[in-house]
């Protein structure tokens, strides 16, 4: 991936947009039609496994912790798809700058990587619930930290707080882990992962090259870092010989962004359908992957 290749042209967009849109439409339809509540029954063995676990008060967990974890994974998949659809719409507008696309791709990757981690095959229902609780605690901590900087105190009305997630773990009898200095570091021998680590793992496991560099570039866009904004322009001479700033968009970098967005939209769904045994959905998505791979070649 390079950010200094030839400029993006309408020909690039025309080549990518149709297969990209077709894949998004199929994945969106399959996720909407085959997830909640259908996958609750397809994952009934795992939900039953977690339902039989015993809380700290001696009462069984019941089906809610396992079911909620699957709903959270689905919501994350839907968020990735929503951002991917927005990327496609922006591509069709043939933008002179790709900065808005990059911000959306970063969000799609972060949602997809969380779903990917939750849906890892072979980890078991209890571990999956623990991962969901770790994600919820980490995002609650991020919200509270941001709010505190603005002089604002969050409550459960804004979503789960750190205290809410801690109480849920304690109630379920999940053992917290503490570091050498006594600080909380995780639970049940699992550790919360930051967004960069989650995205890096997702991109590596789905075959994206050198994920750290491109993700750093995407993050610069999302945070409106000055270096990234300035990089979106190049200095040229106009007809009068004066220096003017002109927007520039690298075709190779947009190709990378769209390719990463395709994985963010499709790969968590593929992992979910494999786990749930949804063969028809898998076959339909896989059938569309070769045409889009061909379209995305340089």
C-alpha atoms as a PDB file:
ATOM      1  CA  UNK A   1       0.000   0.000   0.000  1.00  0.00           C
ATOM      2  CA  UNK A   2       1.293   3.425  -0.889  1.00  0.00           C
ATOM      3  CA  UNK A   3      -0.107   6.911  -0.470  1.00  0.00           C
ATOM      4  CA  UNK A   4       1.843   8.380  -3.376  1.00  0.00           C
ATOM      5  CA  UNK A   5       0.498   6.492  -6.398  1.00  0.00           C
ATOM      6  CA  UNK A   6      -1.448   7.858  -9.321  1.00  0.00           C
ATOM      7  CA  UNK A   7      -4.543   9.869  -8.509  1.00  0.00           C
ATOM      8  CA  UNK A   8      -7.950   8.305  -8.070  1.00  0.00           C
ATOM      9  CA  UNK A   9     -10.011   8.516 -11.276  1.00  0.00           C
ATOM     10  CA  UNK A  10     -13.654   7.848 -12.180  1.00  0.00           C
ATOM     11  CA  UNK A  11     -12.451   4.672 -13.905  1.00  0.00           C
ATOM     12  CA  UNK A  12     -11.256   3.278 -10.572  1.00  0.00           C
ATOM     13  CA  UNK A  13     -14.575   4.036  -8.918  1.00  0.00           C
ATOM     14  CA  UNK A  14     -16.593   2.567 -11.783  1.00  0.00           C
ATOM     15  CA  UNK A  15     -14.583  -0.638 -11.546  1.00  0.00           C
ATOM     16  CA  UNK A  16     -14.966  -1.028  -7.784  1.00  0.00           C
ATOM     17  CA  UNK A  17     -18.432   0.321  -7.009  1.00  0.00           C
ATOM     18  CA  UNK A  18     -20.662  -2.342  -8.577  1.00  0.00           C
ATOM     19  CA  UNK A  19     -19.097  -5.504  -7.037  1.00  0.00           C
ATOM     20  CA  UNK A  20     -18.588  -3.656  -3.743  1.00  0.00           C
ATOM     21  CA  UNK A  21     -22.250  -2.659  -3.634  1.00  0.00           C
ATOM     22  CA  UNK A  22     -23.444  -6.143  -4.589  1.00  0.00           C
ATOM     23  CA  UNK A  23     -21.417  -7.727  -1.791  1.00  0.00           C
ATOM     24  CA  UNK A  24     -22.678  -5.197   0.751  1.00  0.00           C
ATOM     25  CA  UNK A  25     -26.284  -5.772  -0.271  1.00  0.00           C
ATOM     26  CA  UNK A  26     -25.948  -9.551   0.068  1.00  0.00           C
ATOM     27  CA  UNK A  27     -24.167  -9.440   3.435  1.00  0.00           C
ATOM     28  CA  UNK A  28     -26.665  -6.892   4.775  1.00  0.00           C
ATOM     29  CA  UNK A  29     -29.593  -9.009   3.640  1.00  0.00           C
ATOM     30  CA  UNK A  30     -28.121 -12.170   5.116  1.00  0.00           C
ATOM     31  CA  UNK A  31     -27.276 -10.515   8.433  1.00  0.00           C
ATOM     32  CA  UNK A  32     -30.747  -8.990   8.674  1.00  0.00           C
ATOM     33  CA  UNK A  33     -32.455 -12.235   7.735  1.00  0.00           C
ATOM     34  CA  UNK A  34     -30.376 -14.839   9.527  1.00  0.00           C
ATOM     35  CA  UNK A  35     -29.212 -13.298  12.779  1.00  0.00           C
ATOM     36  CA  UNK A  36     -31.613 -12.277  15.559  1.00  0.00           C
ATOM     37  CA  UNK A  37     -33.600 -14.185  16.537  1.00  0.00           C
ATOM     38  CA  UNK A  38     -32.607 -17.030  14.196  1.00  0.00           C
ATOM     39  CA  UNK A  39     -29.051 -17.414  15.427  1.00  0.00           C
ATOM     40  CA  UNK A  40     -30.232 -17.585  19.028  1.00  0.00           C
ATOM     41  CA  UNK A  41     -31.665 -21.005  18.237  1.00  0.00           C
ATOM     42  CA  UNK A  42     -28.695 -21.980  16.052  1.00  0.00           C
ATOM     43  CA  UNK A  43     -26.365 -21.184  18.966  1.00  0.00           C
ATOM     44  CA  UNK A  44     -28.647 -22.836  21.498  1.00  0.00           C
ATOM     45  CA  UNK A  45     -25.998 -25.340  22.667  1.00  0.00           C
ATOM     46  CA  UNK A  46     -23.620 -22.549  23.677  1.00  0.00           C
ATOM     47  CA  UNK A  47     -26.398 -20.478  25.229  1.00  0.00           C
ATOM     48  CA  UNK A  48     -27.534 -23.531  27.206  1.00  0.00           C
ATOM     49  CA  UNK A  49     -23.942 -24.084  28.340  1.00  0.00           C
ATOM     50  CA  UNK A  50     -23.663 -20.568  29.748  1.00  0.00           C
ATOM     51  CA  UNK A  51     -27.198 -20.667  31.166  1.00  0.00           C
ATOM     52  CA  UNK A  52     -26.182 -23.575  33.397  1.00  0.00           C
ATOM     53  CA  UNK A  53     -23.247 -21.707  34.945  1.00  0.00           C
ATOM     54  CA  UNK A  54     -23.687 -20.609  38.556  1.00  0.00           C
ATOM     55  CA  UNK A  55     -23.661 -16.974  39.725  1.00  0.00           C
ATOM     56  CA  UNK A  56     -21.978 -15.759  42.899  1.00  0.00           C
ATOM     57  CA  UNK A  57     -25.350 -15.996  44.707  1.00  0.00           C
ATOM     58  CA  UNK A  58     -25.752 -19.652  43.746  1.00  0.00           C
ATOM     59  CA  UNK A  59     -28.396 -19.027  41.069  1.00  0.00           C
ATOM     60  CA  UNK A  60     -27.776 -20.152  37.501  1.00  0.00           C
ATOM     61  CA  UNK A  61     -26.777 -17.573  34.897  1.00  0.00           C
ATOM     62  CA  UNK A  62     -29.819 -18.239  32.760  1.00  0.00           C
ATOM     63  CA  UNK A  63     -29.871 -17.542  29.001  1.00  0.00           C
ATOM     64  CA  UNK A  64     -29.448 -13.748  29.099  1.00  0.00           C
ATOM     65  CA  UNK A  65     -25.630 -13.392  29.341  1.00  0.00           C
ATOM     66  CA  UNK A  66     -25.060 -15.654  26.339  1.00  0.00           C
ATOM     67  CA  UNK A  67     -27.929 -14.207  24.307  1.00  0.00           C
ATOM     68  CA  UNK A  68     -26.896 -10.607  24.995  1.00  0.00           C
ATOM     69  CA  UNK A  69     -23.349 -11.388  23.868  1.00  0.00           C
ATOM     70  CA  UNK A  70     -24.621 -12.604  20.499  1.00  0.00           C
ATOM     71  CA  UNK A  71     -26.808  -9.518  20.130  1.00  0.00           C
ATOM     72  CA  UNK A  72     -23.794  -7.296  20.836  1.00  0.00           C
ATOM     73  CA  UNK A  73     -21.794  -9.122  18.141  1.00  0.00           C
ATOM     74  CA  UNK A  74     -24.645  -8.625  15.676  1.00  0.00           C
ATOM     75  CA  UNK A  75     -24.973  -4.923  16.506  1.00  0.00           C
ATOM     76  CA  UNK A  76     -21.237  -4.494  15.883  1.00  0.00           C
ATOM     77  CA  UNK A  77     -21.585  -6.247  12.516  1.00  0.00           C
ATOM     78  CA  UNK A  78     -24.455  -3.969  11.579  1.00  0.00           C
ATOM     79  CA  UNK A  79     -22.387  -0.916  12.536  1.00  0.00           C
ATOM     80  CA  UNK A  80     -19.556  -2.058  10.261  1.00  0.00           C
ATOM     81  CA  UNK A  81     -22.028  -2.581   7.411  1.00  0.00           C
ATOM     82  CA  UNK A  82     -23.601   0.844   7.940  1.00  0.00           C
ATOM     83  CA  UNK A  83     -20.214   2.520   7.612  1.00  0.00           C
ATOM     84  CA  UNK A  84     -19.342   0.394   4.577  1.00  0.00           C
ATOM     85  CA  UNK A  85     -22.540   1.458   2.794  1.00  0.00           C
ATOM     86  CA  UNK A  86     -21.629   5.092   3.483  1.00  0.00           C
ATOM     87  CA  UNK A  87     -18.177   4.495   1.978  1.00  0.00           C
ATOM     88  CA  UNK A  88     -19.771   3.170  -1.192  1.00  0.00           C
ATOM     89  CA  UNK A  89     -22.051   6.205  -1.443  1.00  0.00           C
ATOM     90  CA  UNK A  90     -19.089   8.559  -1.087  1.00  0.00           C
ATOM     91  CA  UNK A  91     -17.171   6.662  -3.759  1.00  0.00           C
ATOM     92  CA  UNK A  92     -20.047   7.160  -6.170  1.00  0.00           C
ATOM     93  CA  UNK A  93     -19.752  10.918  -5.601  1.00  0.00           C
ATOM     94  CA  UNK A  94     -16.190  10.699  -7.001  1.00  0.00           C
ATOM     95  CA  UNK A  95     -14.615  12.764  -4.197  1.00  0.00           C
ATOM     96  CA  UNK A  96     -11.579  14.950  -4.766  1.00  0.00           C
ATOM     97  CA  UNK A  97     -10.382  13.927  -1.291  1.00  0.00           C
ATOM     98  CA  UNK A  98     -10.655  10.556   0.454  1.00  0.00           C
ATOM     99  CA  UNK A  99     -10.508  11.858   4.025  1.00  0.00           C
ATOM    100  CA  UNK A 100     -14.197  11.282   4.786  1.00  0.00           C
ATOM    101  CA  UNK A 101     -13.925   7.771   3.325  1.00  0.00           C
ATOM    102  CA  UNK A 102     -10.908   7.026   5.513  1.00  0.00           C
ATOM    103  CA  UNK A 103     -12.762   8.071   8.679  1.00  0.00           C
ATOM    104  CA  UNK A 104     -15.637   5.757   7.829  1.00  0.00           C
ATOM    105  CA  UNK A 105     -13.294   2.869   7.032  1.00  0.00           C
ATOM    106  CA  UNK A 106     -11.590   3.270  10.409  1.00  0.00           C
ATOM    107  CA  UNK A 107     -14.954   3.081  12.186  1.00  0.00           C
ATOM    108  CA  UNK A 108     -15.965   0.049  10.118  1.00  0.00           C
ATOM    109  CA  UNK A 109     -12.716  -1.705  11.039  1.00  0.00           C
ATOM    110  CA  UNK A 110     -13.107  -0.951  14.738  1.00  0.00           C
ATOM    111  CA  UNK A 111     -16.668  -2.277  14.832  1.00  0.00           C
ATOM    112  CA  UNK A 112     -15.764  -5.339  12.763  1.00  0.00           C
ATOM    113  CA  UNK A 113     -12.683  -6.166  14.837  1.00  0.00           C
ATOM    114  CA  UNK A 114     -14.744  -6.232  18.038  1.00  0.00           C
ATOM    115  CA  UNK A 115     -17.313  -8.561  16.455  1.00  0.00           C
ATOM    116  CA  UNK A 116     -14.474 -10.706  15.082  1.00  0.00           C
ATOM    117  CA  UNK A 117     -12.972 -11.064  18.582  1.00  0.00           C
ATOM    118  CA  UNK A 118     -16.337 -11.924  20.133  1.00  0.00           C
ATOM    119  CA  UNK A 119     -17.086 -14.530  17.458  1.00  0.00           C
ATOM    120  CA  UNK A 120     -13.746 -16.335  17.627  1.00  0.00           C
ATOM    121  CA  UNK A 121     -14.475 -20.037  17.090  1.00  0.00           C
ATOM    122  CA  UNK A 122     -13.764 -22.589  19.768  1.00  0.00           C
ATOM    123  CA  UNK A 123     -13.535 -20.293  22.784  1.00  0.00           C
ATOM    124  CA  UNK A 124     -16.729 -21.402  24.537  1.00  0.00           C
ATOM    125  CA  UNK A 125     -19.740 -19.504  25.815  1.00  0.00           C
ATOM    126  CA  UNK A 126     -18.287 -18.379  29.142  1.00  0.00           C
ATOM    127  CA  UNK A 127     -15.183 -16.894  27.529  1.00  0.00           C
ATOM    128  CA  UNK A 128     -17.330 -15.154  24.936  1.00  0.00           C
ATOM    129  CA  UNK A 129     -19.413 -13.527  27.682  1.00  0.00           C
ATOM    130  CA  UNK A 130     -16.236 -12.425  29.479  1.00  0.00           C
ATOM    131  CA  UNK A 131     -14.962 -10.814  26.286  1.00  0.00           C
ATOM    132  CA  UNK A 132     -18.201  -8.931  25.852  1.00  0.00           C
ATOM    133  CA  UNK A 133     -18.009  -7.646  29.433  1.00  0.00           C
ATOM    134  CA  UNK A 134     -14.392  -6.552  28.896  1.00  0.00           C
ATOM    135  CA  UNK A 135     -15.374  -4.636  25.766  1.00  0.00           C
ATOM    136  CA  UNK A 136     -18.228  -2.975  27.632  1.00  0.00           C
ATOM    137  CA  UNK A 137     -15.971  -1.980  30.517  1.00  0.00           C
ATOM    138  CA  UNK A 138     -13.319  -0.579  28.203  1.00  0.00           C
ATOM    139  CA  UNK A 139     -15.810   1.533  26.266  1.00  0.00           C
ATOM    140  CA  UNK A 140     -17.403   2.708  29.526  1.00  0.00           C
ATOM    141  CA  UNK A 141     -13.963   3.787  30.734  1.00  0.00           C
ATOM    142  CA  UNK A 142     -13.352   5.689  27.505  1.00  0.00           C
ATOM    143  CA  UNK A 143     -16.683   7.491  27.810  1.00  0.00           C
ATOM    144  CA  UNK A 144     -16.105   8.429  31.447  1.00  0.00           C
ATOM    145  CA  UNK A 145     -12.586   9.680  30.697  1.00  0.00           C
ATOM    146  CA  UNK A 146     -13.765  11.871  27.816  1.00  0.00           C
ATOM    147  CA  UNK A 147     -16.701  13.197  29.820  1.00  0.00           C
ATOM    148  CA  UNK A 148     -14.472  14.025  32.797  1.00  0.00           C
ATOM    149  CA  UNK A 149     -12.212  16.134  30.573  1.00  0.00           C
ATOM    150  CA  UNK A 150     -15.292  18.131  29.591  1.00  0.00           C
ATOM    151  CA  UNK A 151     -16.407  18.495  33.204  1.00  0.00           C
ATOM    152  CA  UNK A 152     -19.338  16.125  32.774  1.00  0.00           C
ATOM    153  CA  UNK A 153     -20.359  13.099  34.819  1.00  0.00           C
ATOM    154  CA  UNK A 154     -21.935  10.179  32.966  1.00  0.00           C
ATOM    155  CA  UNK A 155     -24.612   7.914  34.372  1.00  0.00           C
ATOM    156  CA  UNK A 156     -26.306   4.673  33.395  1.00  0.00           C
ATOM    157  CA  UNK A 157     -28.656   6.772  31.241  1.00  0.00           C
ATOM    158  CA  UNK A 158     -25.786   7.090  28.752  1.00  0.00           C
ATOM    159  CA  UNK A 159     -25.122   3.351  28.659  1.00  0.00           C
ATOM    160  CA  UNK A 160     -23.285   1.025  31.000  1.00  0.00           C
ATOM    161  CA  UNK A 161     -20.828   2.697  33.348  1.00  0.00           C
ATOM    162  CA  UNK A 162     -17.662   1.112  34.724  1.00  0.00           C
ATOM    163  CA  UNK A 163     -19.552   0.434  37.941  1.00  0.00           C
ATOM    164  CA  UNK A 164     -22.377  -1.266  36.022  1.00  0.00           C
ATOM    165  CA  UNK A 165     -19.998  -3.624  34.219  1.00  0.00           C
ATOM    166  CA  UNK A 166     -18.076  -4.379  37.416  1.00  0.00           C
ATOM    167  CA  UNK A 167     -21.297  -5.274  39.221  1.00  0.00           C
ATOM    168  CA  UNK A 168     -22.368  -7.585  36.390  1.00  0.00           C
ATOM    169  CA  UNK A 169     -19.070  -9.489  36.491  1.00  0.00           C
ATOM    170  CA  UNK A 170     -19.256  -9.836  40.268  1.00  0.00           C
ATOM    171  CA  UNK A 171     -22.856 -11.035  40.074  1.00  0.00           C
ATOM    172  CA  UNK A 172     -21.920 -13.678  37.492  1.00  0.00           C
ATOM    173  CA  UNK A 173     -19.074 -14.906  39.676  1.00  0.00           C
ATOM    174  CA  UNK A 174     -16.381 -13.950  37.147  1.00  0.00           C
ATOM    175  CA  UNK A 175     -13.046 -13.519  38.886  1.00  0.00           C
ATOM    176  CA  UNK A 176     -11.309 -10.176  38.361  1.00  0.00           C
ATOM    177  CA  UNK A 177      -7.542 -10.084  37.765  1.00  0.00           C
ATOM    178  CA  UNK A 178      -5.249  -7.504  39.326  1.00  0.00           C
ATOM    179  CA  UNK A 179      -1.723  -6.423  38.463  1.00  0.00           C
ATOM    180  CA  UNK A 180       1.354  -6.276  40.746  1.00  0.00           C
ATOM    181  CA  UNK A 181       0.356  -2.806  41.934  1.00  0.00           C
ATOM    182  CA  UNK A 182      -3.213  -3.854  42.699  1.00  0.00           C
ATOM    183  CA  UNK A 183      -4.876  -2.259  39.696  1.00  0.00           C
ATOM    184  CA  UNK A 184      -7.575  -4.028  37.690  1.00  0.00           C
ATOM    185  CA  UNK A 185      -6.148  -5.617  34.519  1.00  0.00           C
ATOM    186  CA  UNK A 186      -8.876  -7.972  33.304  1.00  0.00           C
ATOM    187  CA  UNK A 187     -11.083 -10.876  34.273  1.00  0.00           C
ATOM    188  CA  UNK A 188     -10.984 -14.677  34.091  1.00  0.00           C
ATOM    189  CA  UNK A 189      -7.390 -14.480  32.763  1.00  0.00           C
ATOM    190  CA  UNK A 190      -8.501 -12.414  29.759  1.00  0.00           C
ATOM    191  CA  UNK A 191      -7.364  -8.892  29.024  1.00  0.00           C
ATOM    192  CA  UNK A 192      -9.267  -6.029  27.404  1.00  0.00           C
ATOM    193  CA  UNK A 193      -7.709  -5.129  24.044  1.00  0.00           C
ATOM    194  CA  UNK A 194      -7.405  -1.595  22.739  1.00  0.00           C
ATOM    195  CA  UNK A 195      -8.808  -0.682  19.319  1.00  0.00           C
ATOM    196  CA  UNK A 196      -5.408  -0.684  17.644  1.00  0.00           C
ATOM    197  CA  UNK A 197      -4.639  -4.221  18.824  1.00  0.00           C
ATOM    198  CA  UNK A 198      -8.096  -5.481  17.857  1.00  0.00           C
ATOM    199  CA  UNK A 199      -7.843  -3.948  14.384  1.00  0.00           C
ATOM    200  CA  UNK A 200      -4.289  -5.198  13.920  1.00  0.00           C
ATOM    201  CA  UNK A 201      -5.343  -8.761  14.763  1.00  0.00           C
ATOM    202  CA  UNK A 202      -8.388  -8.548  12.524  1.00  0.00           C
ATOM    203  CA  UNK A 203      -6.427  -7.235   9.550  1.00  0.00           C
ATOM    204  CA  UNK A 204      -3.624  -9.769   9.997  1.00  0.00           C
ATOM    205  CA  UNK A 205      -6.046 -12.672  10.325  1.00  0.00           C
ATOM    206  CA  UNK A 206      -8.006 -11.591   7.246  1.00  0.00           C
ATOM    207  CA  UNK A 207      -4.903 -11.205   5.090  1.00  0.00           C
ATOM    208  CA  UNK A 208      -4.383  -7.435   4.984  1.00  0.00           C
ATOM    209  CA  UNK A 209      -0.739  -6.417   4.547  1.00  0.00           C
ATOM    210  CA  UNK A 210       1.165  -4.379   7.157  1.00  0.00           C
ATOM    211  CA  UNK A 211      -1.944  -3.315   9.107  1.00  0.00           C
ATOM    212  CA  UNK A 212      -0.269  -0.917  11.538  1.00  0.00           C
ATOM    213  CA  UNK A 213       0.815   1.702   8.994  1.00  0.00           C
ATOM    214  CA  UNK A 214      -2.452   2.071   7.077  1.00  0.00           C
ATOM    215  CA  UNK A 215      -4.473   2.076  10.308  1.00  0.00           C
ATOM    216  CA  UNK A 216      -2.297   4.889  11.669  1.00  0.00           C
ATOM    217  CA  UNK A 217      -3.028   6.842   8.494  1.00  0.00           C
ATOM    218  CA  UNK A 218      -6.771   6.225   8.882  1.00  0.00           C
ATOM    219  CA  UNK A 219      -6.592   7.293  12.519  1.00  0.00           C
ATOM    220  CA  UNK A 220      -4.921  10.559  11.528  1.00  0.00           C
ATOM    221  CA  UNK A 221      -7.920  11.319   9.347  1.00  0.00           C
ATOM    222  CA  UNK A 222     -10.496  10.410  11.980  1.00  0.00           C
ATOM    223  CA  UNK A 223      -8.806  12.705  14.523  1.00  0.00           C
ATOM    224  CA  UNK A 224      -8.387  15.495  11.958  1.00  0.00           C
ATOM    225  CA  UNK A 225      -4.656  15.519  12.580  1.00  0.00           C
ATOM    226  CA  UNK A 226      -3.086  18.502  10.842  1.00  0.00           C
ATOM    227  CA  UNK A 227      -0.392  16.376   9.168  1.00  0.00           C
ATOM    228  CA  UNK A 228      -3.099  14.274   7.497  1.00  0.00           C
ATOM    229  CA  UNK A 229      -5.162  17.251   6.391  1.00  0.00           C
ATOM    230  CA  UNK A 230      -2.098  18.895   4.869  1.00  0.00           C
ATOM    231  CA  UNK A 231      -1.129  15.631   3.189  1.00  0.00           C
ATOM    232  CA  UNK A 232      -4.450  15.716   1.316  1.00  0.00           C
ATOM    233  CA  UNK A 233      -3.204  18.665  -0.732  1.00  0.00           C
ATOM    234  CA  UNK A 234      -0.314  19.308  -3.062  1.00  0.00           C
ATOM    235  CA  UNK A 235       1.185  22.606  -4.132  1.00  0.00           C
ATOM    236  CA  UNK A 236       0.989  23.355  -7.856  1.00  0.00           C
ATOM    237  CA  UNK A 237       1.501  26.346 -10.132  1.00  0.00           C
ATOM    238  CA  UNK A 238      -1.564  27.903 -11.736  1.00  0.00           C
ATOM    239  CA  UNK A 239      -1.551  29.494 -15.177  1.00  0.00           C
ATOM    240  CA  UNK A 240      -0.265  32.745 -13.677  1.00  0.00           C
ATOM    241  CA  UNK A 241       2.623  30.964 -11.958  1.00  0.00           C
ATOM    242  CA  UNK A 242       1.199  31.325  -8.465  1.00  0.00           C
ATOM    243  CA  UNK A 243       1.286  28.465  -5.944  1.00  0.00           C
ATOM    244  CA  UNK A 244      -2.133  26.904  -5.299  1.00  0.00           C
ATOM    245  CA  UNK A 245      -3.147  23.998  -3.102  1.00  0.00           C
ATOM    246  CA  UNK A 246      -4.903  21.194  -4.975  1.00  0.00           C
ATOM    247  CA  UNK A 247      -6.561  18.151  -3.370  1.00  0.00           C
ATOM    248  CA  UNK A 248      -4.919  14.828  -4.090  1.00  0.00           C
ATOM    249  CA  UNK A 249      -6.211  11.303  -3.611  1.00  0.00           C
ATOM    250  CA  UNK A 250      -4.006   8.247  -4.090  1.00  0.00           C
ATOM    251  CA  UNK A 251      -5.715   5.471  -6.041  1.00  0.00           C
ATOM    252  CA  UNK A 252      -3.660   2.831  -4.214  1.00  0.00           C
ATOM    253  CA  UNK A 253      -4.609   4.145  -0.791  1.00  0.00           C
ATOM    254  CA  UNK A 254      -8.300   4.319  -1.643  1.00  0.00           C
ATOM    255  CA  UNK A 255      -7.965   0.796  -3.041  1.00  0.00           C
ATOM    256  CA  UNK A 256      -6.557  -0.292   0.319  1.00  0.00           C
ATOM    257  CA  UNK A 257      -9.327   1.538   2.194  1.00  0.00           C
ATOM    258  CA  UNK A 258     -12.063  -0.066   0.112  1.00  0.00           C
ATOM    259  CA  UNK A 259     -10.428  -3.487   0.423  1.00  0.00           C
ATOM    260  CA  UNK A 260     -10.234  -3.117   4.220  1.00  0.00           C
ATOM    261  CA  UNK A 261     -13.853  -1.960   4.254  1.00  0.00           C
ATOM    262  CA  UNK A 262     -14.902  -5.037   2.278  1.00  0.00           C
ATOM    263  CA  UNK A 263     -13.276  -7.251   4.895  1.00  0.00           C
ATOM    264  CA  UNK A 264     -14.886  -5.250   7.711  1.00  0.00           C
ATOM    265  CA  UNK A 265     -18.302  -5.800   6.155  1.00  0.00           C
ATOM    266  CA  UNK A 266     -17.932  -9.427   5.133  1.00  0.00           C
ATOM    267  CA  UNK A 267     -15.432 -11.250   7.361  1.00  0.00           C
ATOM    268  CA  UNK A 268     -17.313 -11.088  10.705  1.00  0.00           C
ATOM    269  CA  UNK A 269     -20.454 -12.309   8.905  1.00  0.00           C
ATOM    270  CA  UNK A 270     -18.490 -15.151   7.318  1.00  0.00           C
ATOM    271  CA  UNK A 271     -17.124 -16.136  10.730  1.00  0.00           C
ATOM    272  CA  UNK A 272     -20.613 -16.012  12.251  1.00  0.00           C
ATOM    273  CA  UNK A 273     -22.207 -18.042   9.445  1.00  0.00           C
ATOM    274  CA  UNK A 274     -19.443 -20.657   9.641  1.00  0.00           C
ATOM    275  CA  UNK A 275     -19.998 -21.027  13.378  1.00  0.00           C
ATOM    276  CA  UNK A 276     -23.783 -21.199  13.027  1.00  0.00           C
ATOM    277  CA  UNK A 277     -23.731 -23.557  10.046  1.00  0.00           C
ATOM    278  CA  UNK A 278     -25.490 -21.196   7.627  1.00  0.00           C
ATOM    279  CA  UNK A 279     -24.217 -22.853   4.461  1.00  0.00           C
ATOM    280  CA  UNK A 280     -26.398 -21.027   1.956  1.00  0.00           C
ATOM    281  CA  UNK A 281     -25.370 -17.615   3.277  1.00  0.00           C
ATOM    282  CA  UNK A 282     -21.697 -18.606   3.190  1.00  0.00           C
ATOM    283  CA  UNK A 283     -21.960 -19.892  -0.370  1.00  0.00           C
ATOM    284  CA  UNK A 284     -23.627 -16.711  -1.609  1.00  0.00           C
ATOM    285  CA  UNK A 285     -21.022 -14.429  -0.005  1.00  0.00           C
ATOM    286  CA  UNK A 286     -18.100 -16.531  -1.184  1.00  0.00           C
ATOM    287  CA  UNK A 287     -19.435 -16.510  -4.719  1.00  0.00           C
ATOM    288  CA  UNK A 288     -19.143 -12.710  -4.753  1.00  0.00           C
ATOM    289  CA  UNK A 289     -15.614 -12.561  -3.359  1.00  0.00           C
ATOM    290  CA  UNK A 290     -13.777 -13.528  -6.560  1.00  0.00           C
ATOM    291  CA  UNK A 291     -15.365 -10.801  -8.749  1.00  0.00           C
ATOM    292  CA  UNK A 292     -14.547  -8.148  -6.167  1.00  0.00           C
ATOM    293  CA  UNK A 293     -10.984  -9.428  -5.746  1.00  0.00           C
ATOM    294  CA  UNK A 294     -10.567  -9.144  -9.505  1.00  0.00           C
ATOM    295  CA  UNK A 295     -12.009  -5.626  -9.530  1.00  0.00           C
ATOM    296  CA  UNK A 296      -9.693  -4.486  -6.741  1.00  0.00           C
ATOM    297  CA  UNK A 297      -6.460  -5.537  -8.483  1.00  0.00           C
ATOM    298  CA  UNK A 298      -4.134  -2.633  -9.417  1.00  0.00           C
END
